[in-house]
Amino acid sequence: MTYSSSLAVGRRNAFAGRHKNAISFQRTDHRVGPISNTIILVVLACLLGLLYLTQVTKTNTYGYQINALKQQQASLQAQNDSLEVTSASLQSTSRIQNSSVAKSMVPVAPSGSITH
């Protein structure tokens, strides 16, 4: 077979005959089958599950941080209360000594002792 005849054979198949459409339209259905549908749904469910888990993990992390800060606040509040009590007791002795009532008191010497 020569080069020209091989081209002619190829052209016969490529082009339609006389009074026929030169372009053939083929209807192709590109449907997704039931197995592919199932796989796609499973993948989407997994992605949604991962998204949900990341959000819950973030929320729990913030919850732990808030809980730690609340515990620190309670500890600092207790320490503040303790320091206020200590401050008040230290200031009370100097206030009593410097008060006008304490200055007007007369010291008393013991007058005698009791013996058995």
N, C-alpha and C. Protein backbone atom coordinates (compact mmCIF):
# COMPACT_ATOMS: atom_id res chain seq x y z
N MET A 1 0.85 -1.16 0.00
CA MET A 1 0.00 0.00 0.00
C MET A 1 0.90 1.22 0.00
N THR A 2 0.55 2.15 -0.86
CA THR A 2 1.37 3.35 -0.97
C THR A 2 0.89 4.39 0.01
N TYR A 3 1.67 5.44 0.13
CA TYR A 3 1.34 6.51 1.06
C TYR A 3 0.02 7.18 0.71
N SER A 4 -0.21 7.45 -0.55
CA SER A 4 -1.44 8.13 -0.97
C SER A 4 -2.66 7.25 -0.77
N SER A 5 -2.53 5.95 -1.01
CA SER A 5 -3.68 5.09 -0.81
C SER A 5 -4.00 4.92 0.67
N SER A 6 -2.98 4.93 1.52
CA SER A 6 -3.26 4.81 2.95
C SER A 6 -3.96 6.08 3.46
N LEU A 7 -3.63 7.23 2.89
CA LEU A 7 -4.33 8.45 3.25
C LEU A 7 -5.77 8.41 2.78
N ALA A 8 -5.99 7.85 1.60
CA ALA A 8 -7.34 7.77 1.06
C ALA A 8 -8.21 6.86 1.90
N VAL A 9 -7.64 5.77 2.39
CA VAL A 9 -8.39 4.86 3.24
C VAL A 9 -8.77 5.56 4.53
N GLY A 10 -7.84 6.32 5.07
CA GLY A 10 -8.11 7.04 6.30
C GLY A 10 -9.16 8.12 6.12
N ARG A 11 -9.20 8.73 4.91
CA ARG A 11 -10.15 9.80 4.67
C ARG A 11 -11.56 9.26 4.50
N ARG A 12 -11.69 8.10 3.99
CA ARG A 12 -13.02 7.54 3.82
C ARG A 12 -13.72 7.38 5.17
N ASN A 13 -12.96 6.97 6.13
CA ASN A 13 -13.55 6.81 7.45
C ASN A 13 -13.78 8.15 8.15
N ALA A 14 -12.95 9.14 7.84
CA ALA A 14 -13.03 10.42 8.51
C ALA A 14 -14.20 11.25 7.99
N PHE A 15 -14.47 11.19 6.69
CA PHE A 15 -15.53 12.01 6.13
C PHE A 15 -16.70 11.13 5.69
N ALA A 16 -17.87 11.71 5.84
CA ALA A 16 -19.07 10.96 5.44
C ALA A 16 -19.23 11.04 3.93
N GLY A 17 -20.07 10.17 3.41
CA GLY A 17 -20.31 10.14 1.97
C GLY A 17 -21.18 11.32 1.52
N ARG A 18 -21.61 11.26 0.29
CA ARG A 18 -22.41 12.34 -0.28
C ARG A 18 -23.78 12.39 0.34
N HIS A 19 -24.27 13.59 0.63
CA HIS A 19 -25.57 13.87 1.25
C HIS A 19 -25.68 13.31 2.68
N LYS A 20 -24.59 13.23 3.31
CA LYS A 20 -24.59 12.81 4.71
C LYS A 20 -23.93 13.89 5.54
N ASN A 21 -24.30 13.93 6.78
CA ASN A 21 -23.68 14.93 7.66
C ASN A 21 -22.19 14.64 7.83
N ALA A 22 -21.43 15.71 7.75
CA ALA A 22 -19.99 15.56 7.89
C ALA A 22 -19.59 15.41 9.36
N ILE A 23 -20.43 15.88 10.25
CA ILE A 23 -20.14 15.80 11.68
C ILE A 23 -21.17 14.89 12.31
N SER A 24 -20.71 13.93 13.02
CA SER A 24 -21.65 13.05 13.71
C SER A 24 -21.68 13.45 15.18
N PHE A 25 -22.87 13.64 15.67
CA PHE A 25 -23.04 13.99 17.07
C PHE A 25 -23.37 12.73 17.85
N GLN A 26 -22.58 12.48 18.84
CA GLN A 26 -22.85 11.34 19.68
C GLN A 26 -23.27 11.86 21.04
N ARG A 27 -24.29 11.27 21.55
CA ARG A 27 -24.76 11.66 22.87
C ARG A 27 -23.98 10.84 23.90
N THR A 28 -23.34 11.56 24.75
CA THR A 28 -22.57 10.87 25.79
C THR A 28 -23.13 11.30 27.14
N ASP A 29 -23.48 10.33 27.92
CA ASP A 29 -23.97 10.59 29.26
C ASP A 29 -22.83 10.39 30.25
N HIS A 30 -22.53 11.45 30.96
CA HIS A 30 -21.50 11.36 31.99
C HIS A 30 -22.21 11.38 33.34
N ARG A 31 -22.63 10.24 33.73
CA ARG A 31 -23.31 10.13 35.02
C ARG A 31 -22.36 9.55 36.04
N VAL A 32 -22.65 9.87 37.28
CA VAL A 32 -21.88 9.30 38.38
C VAL A 32 -22.64 8.07 38.85
N GLY A 33 -21.95 6.97 38.93
CA GLY A 33 -22.58 5.72 39.31
C GLY A 33 -22.85 5.65 40.81
N PRO A 34 -23.54 4.63 41.26
CA PRO A 34 -23.89 4.50 42.67
C PRO A 34 -22.67 4.31 43.57
N ILE A 35 -21.66 3.62 43.08
CA ILE A 35 -20.46 3.42 43.88
C ILE A 35 -19.70 4.74 44.03
N SER A 36 -19.60 5.48 42.92
CA SER A 36 -18.94 6.79 42.98
C SER A 36 -19.70 7.74 43.89
N ASN A 37 -21.03 7.70 43.81
CA ASN A 37 -21.86 8.53 44.70
C ASN A 37 -21.56 8.20 46.15
N THR A 38 -21.49 6.92 46.46
CA THR A 38 -21.24 6.50 47.84
C THR A 38 -19.86 6.97 48.29
N ILE A 39 -18.87 6.83 47.45
CA ILE A 39 -17.51 7.25 47.80
C ILE A 39 -17.46 8.75 48.03
N ILE A 40 -18.11 9.52 47.16
CA ILE A 40 -18.13 10.97 47.31
C ILE A 40 -18.82 11.37 48.61
N LEU A 41 -19.93 10.73 48.92
CA LEU A 41 -20.64 11.04 50.17
C LEU A 41 -19.81 10.69 51.40
N VAL A 42 -19.10 9.57 51.35
CA VAL A 42 -18.24 9.19 52.48
C VAL A 42 -17.11 10.20 52.66
N VAL A 43 -16.50 10.62 51.56
CA VAL A 43 -15.42 11.61 51.64
C VAL A 43 -15.94 12.93 52.19
N LEU A 44 -17.11 13.37 51.74
CA LEU A 44 -17.70 14.61 52.25
C LEU A 44 -18.03 14.50 53.74
N ALA A 45 -18.55 13.35 54.15
CA ALA A 45 -18.85 13.14 55.57
C ALA A 45 -17.57 13.19 56.40
N CYS A 46 -16.50 12.59 55.89
CA CYS A 46 -15.22 12.63 56.60
C CYS A 46 -14.69 14.06 56.71
N LEU A 47 -14.80 14.82 55.64
CA LEU A 47 -14.35 16.22 55.67
C LEU A 47 -15.17 17.04 56.67
N LEU A 48 -16.47 16.83 56.68
CA LEU A 48 -17.31 17.55 57.65
C LEU A 48 -16.98 17.13 59.08
N GLY A 49 -16.69 15.85 59.28
CA GLY A 49 -16.30 15.36 60.60
C GLY A 49 -14.99 15.99 61.05
N LEU A 50 -14.02 16.09 60.15
CA LEU A 50 -12.75 16.72 60.50
C LEU A 50 -12.94 18.20 60.82
N LEU A 51 -13.78 18.87 60.06
CA LEU A 51 -14.06 20.28 60.34
C LEU A 51 -14.70 20.44 61.71
N TYR A 52 -15.64 19.58 62.03
CA TYR A 52 -16.30 19.62 63.33
C TYR A 52 -15.29 19.37 64.46
N LEU A 53 -14.44 18.38 64.27
CA LEU A 53 -13.45 18.06 65.31
C LEU A 53 -12.46 19.20 65.53
N THR A 54 -12.04 19.88 64.47
CA THR A 54 -11.12 21.00 64.65
C THR A 54 -11.79 22.13 65.42
N GLN A 55 -13.07 22.38 65.14
CA GLN A 55 -13.77 23.44 65.86
C GLN A 55 -13.96 23.08 67.33
N VAL A 56 -14.30 21.83 67.61
CA VAL A 56 -14.49 21.40 68.99
C VAL A 56 -13.16 21.45 69.75
N THR A 57 -12.09 21.07 69.09
CA THR A 57 -10.77 21.10 69.73
C THR A 57 -10.37 22.53 70.07
N LYS A 58 -10.64 23.46 69.17
CA LYS A 58 -10.34 24.86 69.44
C LYS A 58 -11.16 25.37 70.63
N THR A 59 -12.42 25.00 70.65
CA THR A 59 -13.29 25.43 71.75
C THR A 59 -12.81 24.86 73.07
N ASN A 60 -12.42 23.58 73.09
CA ASN A 60 -11.92 22.97 74.31
C ASN A 60 -10.62 23.62 74.76
N THR A 61 -9.76 23.98 73.82
CA THR A 61 -8.51 24.64 74.16
C THR A 61 -8.79 25.98 74.82
N TYR A 62 -9.72 26.73 74.27
CA TYR A 62 -10.07 28.01 74.89
C TYR A 62 -10.70 27.79 76.26
N GLY A 63 -11.47 26.71 76.41
CA GLY A 63 -12.07 26.40 77.70
C GLY A 63 -11.02 26.11 78.75
N TYR A 64 -9.97 25.37 78.37
CA TYR A 64 -8.89 25.09 79.31
C TYR A 64 -8.16 26.37 79.69
N GLN A 65 -7.94 27.25 78.73
CA GLN A 65 -7.26 28.51 79.03
C GLN A 65 -8.11 29.36 79.97
N ILE A 66 -9.41 29.40 79.73
CA ILE A 66 -10.30 30.19 80.60
C ILE A 66 -10.33 29.60 82.00
N ASN A 67 -10.37 28.28 82.10
CA ASN A 67 -10.36 27.63 83.40
C ASN A 67 -9.06 27.93 84.15
N ALA A 68 -7.93 27.88 83.48
CA ALA A 68 -6.64 28.18 84.12
C ALA A 68 -6.62 29.63 84.59
N LEU A 69 -7.14 30.54 83.77
CA LEU A 69 -7.16 31.95 84.17
C LEU A 69 -8.10 32.19 85.35
N LYS A 70 -9.22 31.46 85.41
CA LYS A 70 -10.13 31.60 86.54
C LYS A 70 -9.48 31.09 87.82
N GLN A 71 -8.74 29.97 87.73
CA GLN A 71 -8.04 29.45 88.90
C GLN A 71 -6.97 30.43 89.36
N GLN A 72 -6.26 31.02 88.41
CA GLN A 72 -5.24 32.01 88.76
C GLN A 72 -5.89 33.23 89.42
N GLN A 73 -7.04 33.64 88.92
CA GLN A 73 -7.75 34.78 89.50
C GLN A 73 -8.19 34.47 90.93
N ALA A 74 -8.70 33.27 91.17
CA ALA A 74 -9.12 32.89 92.52
C ALA A 74 -7.93 32.85 93.47
N SER A 75 -6.81 32.33 92.99
CA SER A 75 -5.60 32.28 93.82
C SER A 75 -5.11 33.69 94.16
N LEU A 76 -5.10 34.56 93.18
CA LEU A 76 -4.67 35.94 93.42
C LEU A 76 -5.64 36.68 94.33
N GLN A 77 -6.93 36.39 94.21
CA GLN A 77 -7.92 37.02 95.08
C GLN A 77 -7.72 36.58 96.53
N ALA A 78 -7.44 35.29 96.74
CA ALA A 78 -7.18 34.78 98.09
C ALA A 78 -5.91 35.41 98.66
N GLN A 79 -4.90 35.54 97.83
CA GLN A 79 -3.65 36.17 98.27
C GLN A 79 -3.88 37.64 98.61
N ASN A 80 -4.69 38.32 97.83
CA ASN A 80 -5.01 39.72 98.09
C ASN A 80 -5.76 39.86 99.42
N ASP A 81 -6.72 38.98 99.67
CA ASP A 81 -7.47 39.02 100.93
C ASP A 81 -6.54 38.79 102.11
N SER A 82 -5.62 37.83 101.97
CA SER A 82 -4.66 37.55 103.04
C SER A 82 -3.77 38.75 103.30
N LEU A 83 -3.32 39.39 102.23
CA LEU A 83 -2.47 40.58 102.39
C LEU A 83 -3.24 41.75 103.01
N GLU A 84 -4.51 41.89 102.69
CA GLU A 84 -5.32 42.95 103.31
C GLU A 84 -5.46 42.72 104.81
N VAL A 85 -5.68 41.46 105.22
CA VAL A 85 -5.80 41.14 106.65
C VAL A 85 -4.48 41.42 107.36
N THR A 86 -3.37 41.02 106.76
CA THR A 86 -2.05 41.27 107.35
C THR A 86 -1.77 42.75 107.44
N SER A 87 -2.12 43.50 106.42
CA SER A 87 -1.93 44.95 106.43
C SER A 87 -2.77 45.61 107.51
N ALA A 88 -4.01 45.17 107.63
CA ALA A 88 -4.88 45.75 108.65
C ALA A 88 -4.37 45.45 110.05
N SER A 89 -3.87 44.23 110.31
CA SER A 89 -3.36 43.90 111.64
C SER A 89 -2.08 44.66 111.95
N LEU A 90 -1.22 44.87 110.95
CA LEU A 90 0.01 45.63 111.18
C LEU A 90 -0.28 47.11 111.41
N GLN A 91 -1.27 47.62 110.72
CA GLN A 91 -1.61 49.03 110.90
C GLN A 91 -2.39 49.26 112.19
N SER A 92 -3.08 48.24 112.68
CA SER A 92 -3.92 48.45 113.87
C SER A 92 -3.07 48.73 115.11
N THR A 93 -1.93 48.08 115.29
CA THR A 93 -1.11 48.32 116.47
C THR A 93 -0.56 49.74 116.48
N SER A 94 -0.14 50.23 115.32
CA SER A 94 0.37 51.61 115.30
C SER A 94 -0.77 52.61 115.46
N ARG A 95 -1.93 52.30 114.96
CA ARG A 95 -3.08 53.20 115.13
C ARG A 95 -3.52 53.25 116.59
N ILE A 96 -3.50 52.12 117.26
CA ILE A 96 -3.90 52.10 118.66
C ILE A 96 -2.90 52.90 119.49
N GLN A 97 -1.62 52.75 119.23
CA GLN A 97 -0.61 53.48 120.00
C GLN A 97 -0.68 54.98 119.76
N ASN A 98 -1.03 55.39 118.57
CA ASN A 98 -1.07 56.81 118.23
C ASN A 98 -2.45 57.44 118.42
N SER A 99 -3.44 56.68 118.88
CA SER A 99 -4.78 57.24 119.04
C SER A 99 -4.84 58.13 120.28
N SER A 100 -5.78 59.07 120.30
CA SER A 100 -5.92 60.00 121.44
C SER A 100 -6.37 59.27 122.70
N VAL A 101 -7.16 58.23 122.56
CA VAL A 101 -7.63 57.46 123.71
C VAL A 101 -6.45 56.75 124.38
N ALA A 102 -5.57 56.17 123.59
CA ALA A 102 -4.42 55.47 124.14
C ALA A 102 -3.45 56.46 124.79
N LYS A 103 -3.34 57.66 124.25
CA LYS A 103 -2.43 58.65 124.82
C LYS A 103 -2.96 59.20 126.14
N SER A 104 -4.26 59.24 126.33
CA SER A 104 -4.82 59.76 127.57
C SER A 104 -4.83 58.73 128.70
N MET A 105 -4.50 57.50 128.43
CA MET A 105 -4.47 56.47 129.47
C MET A 105 -3.21 56.63 130.33
N VAL A 106 -3.38 56.28 131.59
CA VAL A 106 -2.29 56.41 132.53
C VAL A 106 -1.74 55.00 132.78
N PRO A 107 -0.41 54.86 132.79
CA PRO A 107 0.12 53.54 133.07
C PRO A 107 -0.07 53.22 134.55
N VAL A 108 -0.36 52.00 134.81
CA VAL A 108 -0.61 51.56 136.19
C VAL A 108 0.54 50.63 136.62
N ALA A 109 1.04 50.95 137.83
CA ALA A 109 2.09 50.09 138.38
C ALA A 109 1.44 49.05 139.27
N PRO A 110 1.96 47.85 139.33
CA PRO A 110 1.35 46.86 140.20
C PRO A 110 1.47 47.29 141.66
N SER A 111 0.37 47.18 142.41
CA SER A 111 0.37 47.65 143.81
C SER A 111 0.80 46.56 144.77
N GLY A 112 0.68 45.38 144.40
CA GLY A 112 1.09 44.33 145.30
C GLY A 112 0.95 42.99 144.61
N SER A 113 1.27 41.95 145.31
CA SER A 113 1.18 40.62 144.73
C SER A 113 0.38 39.74 145.68
N ILE A 114 -0.24 38.79 145.17
CA ILE A 114 -1.05 37.87 145.93
C ILE A 114 -0.23 36.60 146.14
N THR A 115 -0.20 36.19 147.39
CA THR A 115 0.54 34.96 147.66
C THR A 115 -0.42 33.93 148.24
N HIS A 116 -0.15 32.78 148.17
CA HIS A 116 -1.01 31.70 148.68
C HIS A 116 -0.55 31.24 149.97
